[in-house]
C-alpha atoms as a PDB file:
ATOM      1  CA  UNK A   1      31.776 -14.913 270.065  1.00  0.00           C
ATOM      2  CA  UNK A   2      32.665 -17.935 272.188  1.00  0.00           C
ATOM      3  CA  UNK A   3      36.002 -18.359 273.947  1.00  0.00           C
ATOM      4  CA  UNK A   4      37.223 -20.563 271.094  1.00  0.00           C
ATOM      5  CA  UNK A   5      36.367 -19.543 267.540  1.00  0.00           C
ATOM      6  CA  UNK A   6      34.599 -22.010 265.265  1.00  0.00           C
ATOM      7  CA  UNK A   7      36.626 -22.089 262.080  1.00  0.00           C
ATOM      8  CA  UNK A   8      35.836 -23.846 258.806  1.00  0.00           C
ATOM      9  CA  UNK A   9      38.805 -24.350 256.484  1.00  0.00           C
ATOM     10  CA  UNK A  10      38.286 -25.211 252.804  1.00  0.00           C
ATOM     11  CA  UNK A  11      41.434 -26.497 251.194  1.00  0.00           C
ATOM     12  CA  UNK A  12      43.670 -29.179 249.836  1.00  0.00           C
ATOM     13  CA  UNK A  13      44.938 -32.334 251.501  1.00  0.00           C
ATOM     14  CA  UNK A  14      48.010 -33.847 249.856  1.00  0.00           C
ATOM     15  CA  UNK A  15      50.665 -36.419 250.624  1.00  0.00           C
ATOM     16  CA  UNK A  16      54.277 -35.316 250.066  1.00  0.00           C
ATOM     17  CA  UNK A  17      56.878 -37.958 249.229  1.00  0.00           C
ATOM     18  CA  UNK A  18      60.296 -36.361 249.705  1.00  0.00           C
ATOM     19  CA  UNK A  19      63.664 -37.784 248.680  1.00  0.00           C
ATOM     20  CA  UNK A  20      67.061 -36.390 249.667  1.00  0.00           C
ATOM     21  CA  UNK A  21      69.394 -36.742 246.676  1.00  0.00           C
ATOM     22  CA  UNK A  22      72.986 -35.656 245.937  1.00  0.00           C
ATOM     23  CA  UNK A  23      71.776 -33.542 242.985  1.00  0.00           C
ATOM     24  CA  UNK A  24      68.633 -33.007 240.939  1.00  0.00           C
ATOM     25  CA  UNK A  25      68.367 -35.619 238.205  1.00  0.00           C
ATOM     26  CA  UNK A  26      69.000 -34.946 234.549  1.00  0.00           C
ATOM     27  CA  UNK A  27      66.628 -36.420 231.943  1.00  0.00           C
ATOM     28  CA  UNK A  28      67.101 -40.202 231.835  1.00  0.00           C
ATOM     29  CA  UNK A  29      69.269 -40.270 234.981  1.00  0.00           C
ATOM     30  CA  UNK A  30      68.600 -42.569 237.934  1.00  0.00           C
ATOM     31  CA  UNK A  31      69.801 -41.640 241.427  1.00  0.00           C
ATOM     32  CA  UNK A  32      69.825 -43.396 244.774  1.00  0.00           C
ATOM     33  CA  UNK A  33      68.252 -41.286 247.536  1.00  0.00           C
ATOM     34  CA  UNK A  34      70.100 -40.818 250.824  1.00  0.00           C
ATOM     35  CA  UNK A  35      66.826 -40.433 252.760  1.00  0.00           C
ATOM     36  CA  UNK A  36      63.084 -40.697 252.110  1.00  0.00           C
ATOM     37  CA  UNK A  37      60.041 -39.601 254.071  1.00  0.00           C
ATOM     38  CA  UNK A  38      56.316 -39.097 253.618  1.00  0.00           C
ATOM     39  CA  UNK A  39      54.392 -36.177 255.127  1.00  0.00           C
ATOM     40  CA  UNK A  40      50.682 -35.353 255.222  1.00  0.00           C
ATOM     41  CA  UNK A  41      50.406 -31.832 253.814  1.00  0.00           C
ATOM     42  CA  UNK A  42      48.235 -29.468 251.786  1.00  0.00           C
ATOM     43  CA  UNK A  43      47.412 -25.788 252.278  1.00  0.00           C
ATOM     44  CA  UNK A  44      44.025 -26.520 253.844  1.00  0.00           C
ATOM     45  CA  UNK A  45      45.330 -29.195 256.180  1.00  0.00           C
ATOM     46  CA  UNK A  46      48.254 -26.994 257.241  1.00  0.00           C
ATOM     47  CA  UNK A  47      45.887 -24.119 258.108  1.00  0.00           C
ATOM     48  CA  UNK A  48      43.462 -26.394 259.960  1.00  0.00           C
ATOM     49  CA  UNK A  49      46.290 -27.923 261.973  1.00  0.00           C
ATOM     50  CA  UNK A  50      47.720 -24.520 262.919  1.00  0.00           C
ATOM     51  CA  UNK A  51      44.311 -23.219 264.047  1.00  0.00           C
ATOM     52  CA  UNK A  52      43.593 -26.390 266.037  1.00  0.00           C
ATOM     53  CA  UNK A  53      46.975 -26.242 267.758  1.00  0.00           C
ATOM     54  CA  UNK A  54      46.184 -22.626 268.643  1.00  0.00           C
ATOM     55  CA  UNK A  55      43.149 -23.934 270.530  1.00  0.00           C
ATOM     56  CA  UNK A  56      40.403 -23.259 267.994  1.00  0.00           C
ATOM     57  CA  UNK A  57      37.479 -25.527 267.026  1.00  0.00           C
ATOM     58  CA  UNK A  58      38.171 -26.452 263.382  1.00  0.00           C
ATOM     59  CA  UNK A  59      36.254 -28.274 260.646  1.00  0.00           C
ATOM     60  CA  UNK A  60      38.176 -29.092 257.468  1.00  0.00           C
ATOM     61  CA  UNK A  61      36.401 -29.308 254.104  1.00  0.00           C
ATOM     62  CA  UNK A  62      38.338 -31.062 251.367  1.00  0.00           C
ATOM     63  CA  UNK A  63      38.435 -34.029 249.073  1.00  0.00           C
ATOM     64  CA  UNK A  64      40.657 -37.097 248.985  1.00  0.00           C
ATOM     65  CA  UNK A  65      40.842 -40.330 247.050  1.00  0.00           C
ATOM     66  CA  UNK A  66      39.371 -43.546 248.411  1.00  0.00           C
ATOM     67  CA  UNK A  67      42.770 -45.000 249.238  1.00  0.00           C
ATOM     68  CA  UNK A  68      45.068 -45.902 252.136  1.00  0.00           C
ATOM     69  CA  UNK A  69      46.467 -42.366 252.251  1.00  0.00           C
ATOM     70  CA  UNK A  70      42.972 -41.044 252.971  1.00  0.00           C
ATOM     71  CA  UNK A  71      42.449 -43.478 255.855  1.00  0.00           C
ATOM     72  CA  UNK A  72      45.809 -42.602 257.432  1.00  0.00           C
ATOM     73  CA  UNK A  73      45.345 -38.880 256.816  1.00  0.00           C
ATOM     74  CA  UNK A  74      41.873 -38.671 258.364  1.00  0.00           C
ATOM     75  CA  UNK A  75      43.096 -40.635 261.394  1.00  0.00           C
ATOM     76  CA  UNK A  76      45.918 -38.133 261.860  1.00  0.00           C
ATOM     77  CA  UNK A  77      43.587 -35.134 261.534  1.00  0.00           C
ATOM     78  CA  UNK A  78      41.149 -36.616 264.062  1.00  0.00           C
ATOM     79  CA  UNK A  79      43.985 -37.326 266.491  1.00  0.00           C
ATOM     80  CA  UNK A  80      44.796 -33.588 266.327  1.00  0.00           C
ATOM     81  CA  UNK A  81      41.158 -32.704 267.116  1.00  0.00           C
ATOM     82  CA  UNK A  82      40.119 -31.547 263.634  1.00  0.00           C
ATOM     83  CA  UNK A  83      36.519 -32.314 262.589  1.00  0.00           C
ATOM     84  CA  UNK A  84      36.748 -34.432 259.415  1.00  0.00           C
ATOM     85  CA  UNK A  85      33.087 -35.133 258.562  1.00  0.00           C
ATOM     86  CA  UNK A  86      33.236 -32.682 255.648  1.00  0.00           C
ATOM     87  CA  UNK A  87      36.117 -34.444 253.894  1.00  0.00           C
ATOM     88  CA  UNK A  88      34.709 -36.164 250.843  1.00  0.00           C
ATOM     89  CA  UNK A  89      36.199 -39.385 249.576  1.00  0.00           C
ATOM     90  CA  UNK A  90      36.129 -39.741 245.805  1.00  0.00           C
ATOM     91  CA  UNK A  91      38.154 -41.283 243.030  1.00  0.00           C
ATOM     92  CA  UNK A  92      40.741 -41.446 241.532  1.00  0.00           C
ATOM     93  CA  UNK A  93      43.277 -40.837 244.290  1.00  0.00           C
ATOM     94  CA  UNK A  94      44.562 -38.549 247.008  1.00  0.00           C
ATOM     95  CA  UNK A  95      46.764 -35.751 245.717  1.00  0.00           C
ATOM     96  CA  UNK A  96      50.500 -36.411 245.986  1.00  0.00           C
ATOM     97  CA  UNK A  97      53.686 -34.451 245.474  1.00  0.00           C
ATOM     98  CA  UNK A  98      56.978 -36.143 244.639  1.00  0.00           C
ATOM     99  CA  UNK A  99      59.813 -33.930 245.786  1.00  0.00           C
ATOM    100  CA  UNK A 100      63.553 -34.318 245.294  1.00  0.00           C
ATOM    101  CA  UNK A 101      65.773 -32.099 247.436  1.00  0.00           C
ATOM    102  CA  UNK A 102      69.513 -31.983 246.773  1.00  0.00           C
ATOM    103  CA  UNK A 103      72.434 -31.290 249.106  1.00  0.00           C
ATOM    104  CA  UNK A 104      72.260 -27.532 248.375  1.00  0.00           C
ATOM    105  CA  UNK A 105      68.519 -27.314 249.093  1.00  0.00           C
ATOM    106  CA  UNK A 106      67.499 -27.063 245.430  1.00  0.00           C
ATOM    107  CA  UNK A 107      64.324 -29.001 244.693  1.00  0.00           C
ATOM    108  CA  UNK A 108      62.336 -30.531 241.892  1.00  0.00           C
ATOM    109  CA  UNK A 109      58.623 -31.233 242.382  1.00  0.00           C
ATOM    110  CA  UNK A 110      56.097 -33.266 240.413  1.00  0.00           C
ATOM    111  CA  UNK A 111      52.461 -33.029 241.558  1.00  0.00           C
ATOM    112  CA  UNK A 112      49.631 -35.471 240.948  1.00  0.00           C
ATOM    113  CA  UNK A 113      46.650 -33.379 242.093  1.00  0.00           C
ATOM    114  CA  UNK A 114      44.240 -36.265 242.620  1.00  0.00           C
ATOM    115  CA  UNK A 115      40.962 -34.979 244.029  1.00  0.00           C
ATOM    116  CA  UNK A 116      40.620 -31.275 244.756  1.00  0.00           C
ATOM    117  CA  UNK A 117      37.749 -29.617 246.606  1.00  0.00           C
ATOM    118  CA  UNK A 118      35.390 -27.406 244.634  1.00  0.00           C
ATOM    119  CA  UNK A 119      34.043 -24.421 246.581  1.00  0.00           C
ATOM    120  CA  UNK A 120      30.825 -24.423 244.533  1.00  0.00           C
ATOM    121  CA  UNK A 121      27.634 -25.347 246.429  1.00  0.00           C
ATOM    122  CA  UNK A 122      26.375 -28.775 245.405  1.00  0.00           C
ATOM    123  CA  UNK A 123      29.617 -29.711 243.646  1.00  0.00           C
ATOM    124  CA  UNK A 124      30.134 -32.561 246.097  1.00  0.00           C
ATOM    125  CA  UNK A 125      26.643 -33.622 247.201  1.00  0.00           C
ATOM    126  CA  UNK A 126      27.968 -36.577 249.263  1.00  0.00           C
ATOM    127  CA  UNK A 127      30.177 -34.253 251.318  1.00  0.00           C
ATOM    128  CA  UNK A 128      28.883 -33.499 254.823  1.00  0.00           C
ATOM    129  CA  UNK A 129      29.577 -29.757 254.715  1.00  0.00           C
ATOM    130  CA  UNK A 130      28.412 -27.962 257.860  1.00  0.00           C
ATOM    131  CA  UNK A 131      25.411 -25.772 257.073  1.00  0.00           C
ATOM    132  CA  UNK A 132      24.632 -22.443 258.757  1.00  0.00           C
ATOM    133  CA  UNK A 133      21.809 -23.839 260.902  1.00  0.00           C
ATOM    134  CA  UNK A 134      23.764 -27.014 261.552  1.00  0.00           C
ATOM    135  CA  UNK A 135      27.015 -25.562 262.877  1.00  0.00           C
ATOM    136  CA  UNK A 136      27.713 -21.867 262.603  1.00  0.00           C
ATOM    137  CA  UNK A 137      31.291 -20.791 262.098  1.00  0.00           C
ATOM    138  CA  UNK A 138      32.990 -17.596 263.138  1.00  0.00           C
ATOM    139  CA  UNK A 139      35.526 -17.793 260.290  1.00  0.00           C
ATOM    140  CA  UNK A 140      35.631 -19.474 256.868  1.00  0.00           C
END
């Protein structure tokens, strides 16, 4: 095995929209948030980022919507050194989570899954998934 492992991660790429609120809303209630932020997340992206920051050579396989989130997300992954050629862009949209977190740390989450990667061969024929003879990996 080489000095740096070649790792292929298959997983989700989502955008989290988080709001700090005084309390979790009741049905029909409207609140004003005290803070708001957006983070690029997803189990696959988190694992790829951790492995890359540990010095490994990482390719991420996933699926995102053809939207502005995808463009920003892929730019961020590339800036971290993650190979993004196997991320397929499809419709309808990139997966998002809408998270409210109250002053006690309690949360409420609504997820719009958007596009999710299928691990089945041929499921995403337009996706540039590294093949064994093309780029061998030490871990998947």
